[in-house]
Structure formats: C-alpha cells, structure tokens
Amino acid sequence: MLDVIRSILLYSWRKYDYVIFVRYLMGTAYLPSPLHRIAYYFFASIVPTSNFMFFLDVNPEEAYTRIQQARKRREMFESLEELERIRRKALFLALVGKWTVIDANKPVEDIEKEIRKLL
C-alpha cells in the first residue's frame, strides 16, 4: 500500500509518455478471493488508468516455460498450478476492467506489432 502511495505521489503529477501501474492492478489477483476484486477496484480508482490498457495473456504452460528459462529460482506463485489459478483471476479482472486482452503466447515482435496497431 505504501508503495502505491509513493508511486502516485512521485509519478501522477509528472508528464510521461507511458505510465505502467499494472503491478498494482493485476497484482491484486494474488490476493485471496473475493479480496482480489475489492482491491482491484480500490486501486483502479486511485491509480492512473487509460483507454490503452493491455493485458498480455500467456497460458500457464508457456509462462512456466519462460520462468524456467529466465531464472534459476522460482517464487512461491510460480508453480504451474498457481500460474493457472492466478491467470484465471487476472483474466477475470482484465475482462471486467478496461483492458484489451492480447494473446502473448506469440513471439515478442508479433505482440509489439499488435500493440502498435491498437495505439
């Protein structure tokens, strides 16, 4: 919570081309149900939002493979089962919010092209 307040104080009044607050909004998917929904709506009401909010949806198997390739040590929410559970909750939040859901199982270049087209 203090990190959210700090970020809002530091960045909300400055002029930037891009502001990314996804960790505050989609990070709420890690909370137990139904607290994740309450926290999402709370943070969505205080952090900057935009008409251009993208949820990069990666299936749990691909996410797990990418995590294994990128790191030697995994965090507690990075098992295949947890990735499936968190993805369901995050996808629900994206669908009730103003997010454009993008299939991110594709190569990075293809995802970038799709985002640029939407901008």
Protein backbone atom coordinates (compact mmCIF):
# COMPACT_ATOMS: atom_id res chain seq x y z
CA MET A 1 0.00 0.00 0.00
CA LEU A 2 2.81 2.39 0.86
CA ASP A 3 4.49 1.60 -2.45
CA VAL A 4 1.28 2.54 -4.29
CA ILE A 5 1.01 5.85 -2.44
CA ARG A 6 4.70 6.59 -3.05
CA SER A 7 4.36 5.89 -6.78
CA ILE A 8 1.25 8.03 -7.08
CA LEU A 9 2.97 10.93 -5.32
CA LEU A 10 6.10 10.58 -7.45
CA TYR A 11 4.58 9.99 -10.87
CA SER A 12 0.95 11.05 -11.13
CA TRP A 13 1.68 14.77 -11.40
CA ARG A 14 4.58 14.45 -13.86
CA LYS A 15 4.22 14.38 -17.62
CA TYR A 16 5.20 10.99 -19.08
CA ASP A 17 4.55 9.25 -22.36
CA TYR A 18 3.88 5.95 -20.58
CA VAL A 19 2.94 5.08 -17.02
CA ILE A 20 2.74 1.43 -16.03
CA PHE A 21 0.75 0.61 -12.92
CA VAL A 22 -0.07 -2.96 -13.86
CA ARG A 23 1.58 -4.45 -10.82
CA TYR A 24 -0.86 -2.63 -8.59
CA LEU A 25 -3.94 -3.59 -10.56
CA MET A 26 -3.17 -7.11 -11.71
CA GLY A 27 -1.08 -7.83 -8.65
CA THR A 28 -4.36 -7.96 -6.77
CA ALA A 29 -5.03 -11.33 -8.44
CA TYR A 30 -2.58 -12.83 -5.95
CA LEU A 31 -4.91 -11.94 -3.07
CA PRO A 32 -7.48 -14.45 -1.82
CA SER A 33 -11.00 -14.33 -3.26
CA PRO A 34 -13.06 -12.13 -3.05
CA LEU A 35 -10.47 -9.70 -1.67
CA HIS A 36 -8.73 -9.60 -5.07
CA ARG A 37 -11.81 -7.96 -6.64
CA ILE A 38 -12.20 -5.39 -3.86
CA ALA A 39 -8.51 -4.50 -4.00
CA TYR A 40 -8.60 -4.26 -7.81
CA TYR A 41 -11.49 -1.79 -7.78
CA PHE A 42 -9.88 0.20 -4.97
CA PHE A 43 -6.56 0.55 -6.78
CA ALA A 44 -8.26 1.17 -10.14
CA SER A 45 -10.00 4.15 -8.54
CA ILE A 46 -6.75 5.77 -7.35
CA VAL A 47 -4.01 4.89 -9.85
CA PRO A 48 -3.87 6.44 -13.31
CA THR A 49 -5.70 4.44 -15.96
CA SER A 50 -6.01 4.84 -19.69
CA ASN A 51 -8.01 3.78 -22.71
CA PHE A 52 -4.87 1.86 -23.70
CA MET A 53 -4.51 -0.82 -21.04
CA PHE A 54 -3.18 -4.12 -22.35
CA PHE A 55 -3.34 -7.47 -20.60
CA LEU A 56 -0.73 -9.75 -22.12
CA ASP A 57 -2.31 -13.15 -21.66
CA VAL A 58 0.09 -16.09 -21.58
CA ASN A 59 -1.15 -19.62 -20.98
CA PRO A 60 0.24 -21.17 -17.78
CA GLU A 61 2.39 -23.73 -19.61
CA GLU A 62 4.13 -21.04 -21.67
CA ALA A 63 4.54 -18.80 -18.61
CA TYR A 64 6.07 -21.69 -16.67
CA THR A 65 8.49 -22.45 -19.53
CA ARG A 66 9.54 -18.78 -19.74
CA ILE A 67 10.07 -18.60 -15.97
CA GLN A 68 12.22 -21.74 -16.03
CA GLN A 69 14.33 -20.32 -18.87
CA ALA A 70 14.76 -16.90 -17.27
CA ARG A 71 15.56 -17.82 -13.67
CA LYS A 72 17.24 -20.48 -11.63
CA ARG A 73 15.00 -19.92 -8.61
CA ARG A 74 11.22 -19.70 -8.72
CA GLU A 75 8.98 -17.71 -6.41
CA MET A 76 6.12 -19.25 -4.45
CA PHE A 77 3.43 -18.35 -7.03
CA GLU A 78 5.36 -19.77 -9.97
CA SER A 79 4.25 -23.38 -9.95
CA LEU A 80 2.11 -24.50 -12.87
CA GLU A 81 -0.94 -24.85 -10.58
CA GLU A 82 -0.50 -21.35 -9.11
CA LEU A 83 0.05 -19.83 -12.54
CA GLU A 84 -3.26 -21.36 -13.69
CA ARG A 85 -5.11 -20.07 -10.62
CA ILE A 86 -3.67 -16.55 -10.79
CA ARG A 87 -4.23 -16.33 -14.57
CA ARG A 88 -7.94 -17.11 -14.14
CA LYS A 89 -8.32 -14.36 -11.55
CA ALA A 90 -6.25 -11.83 -13.52
CA LEU A 91 -8.09 -12.57 -16.76
CA PHE A 92 -11.41 -12.04 -14.97
CA LEU A 93 -10.17 -8.65 -13.71
CA ALA A 94 -8.97 -7.72 -17.21
CA LEU A 95 -12.36 -8.58 -18.70
CA VAL A 96 -14.32 -6.50 -16.16
CA GLY A 97 -11.85 -3.62 -16.46
CA LYS A 98 -10.93 -1.53 -19.48
CA TRP A 99 -8.22 -3.92 -20.67
CA THR A 100 -7.52 -5.10 -24.18
CA VAL A 101 -6.55 -8.76 -23.88
CA ILE A 102 -3.69 -9.76 -26.17
CA ASP A 103 -2.53 -13.31 -26.82
CA ALA A 104 1.07 -13.15 -25.63
CA ASN A 105 1.97 -16.73 -26.43
CA LYS A 106 3.38 -15.39 -29.70
CA PRO A 107 6.88 -14.01 -30.35
CA VAL A 108 7.61 -10.62 -28.79
CA GLU A 109 7.84 -8.95 -32.21
CA ASP A 110 4.28 -10.03 -33.08
CA ILE A 111 2.94 -8.79 -29.76
CA GLU A 112 4.66 -5.44 -30.23
CA LYS A 113 3.15 -5.07 -33.73
CA GLU A 114 -0.32 -5.81 -32.36
CA ILE A 115 0.05 -3.22 -29.58
CA ARG A 116 1.36 -0.59 -32.00
CA LYS A 117 -1.58 -1.25 -34.31
CA LEU A 118 -4.00 -0.68 -31.43
CA LEU A 119 -2.31 2.58 -30.42
